[in-house]
Amino acid sequence: MFARWVSILLHPFVVFIALTMLSARALAPRGLWPSLIGVALAVAATGAFVAQRRRGGHWTTVDASRSSERPLLYAVLLLVLAICWWWMRERAPALAPGIVAVAAMLVAAALCNRWIKLSLHMASLTFAAVSLSVLSPSWALAGAVLLPLLGWARVRMARHMLVEVIGGTMLGAVAALALQVWVG
């Protein structure tokens, strides 16, 4: 039960809402509310899709735990990110590179899905922690400290194998470091 709560509280939806709030405050204060509205709508739309897939019996869990469930999830996430980028481009343009980096991270995960089902929970939290290292070291440290706990929870719940957790962590780190190099 504890592992499930860790997984819920550190879900990519929660992580990206927090990351958007912290990033917008630092990089685009005038765009804070439009950014939060955009991300909240993106999370709501994605959440509705996930709930429909689970209730309809198409997925075994809300996490799209089987590799065969992931391609449609990636497609929907990329569509939602494209809409989010469009929404933010004038309201909080400083966040646009981060949206592109997350999209690239998802494309990489989708391409790897044939061989390994990378943990998007781990990728998201790692991306947030590494991205925040420049903007808010204390929040970055908090994210980094929580990574082992989240990794344990994902393995404990049998949503991922250790290699998938490590792979997701590496993917998130690479995407965030690429973002930092890109934006300088």
Foldseek 3Di string as FASTA:
>chain_A
DVLVVLCVCLPLLNLVLVLLQLCCVQQPVQLNVLLNVLSVVLCVVLQVVLVCCVVVVVAPDSQSLALVSCPVSLVSNLVSLVVSLVSCCPSRVVCNLVSVLVNVLSVVQNVCSVPFNADQSLLSLLLSLLLCCVRPVVVSVVSVVCLVSNLCSCVVVVSHDNVNSVVSNVSSNVSNVVSVVVVD
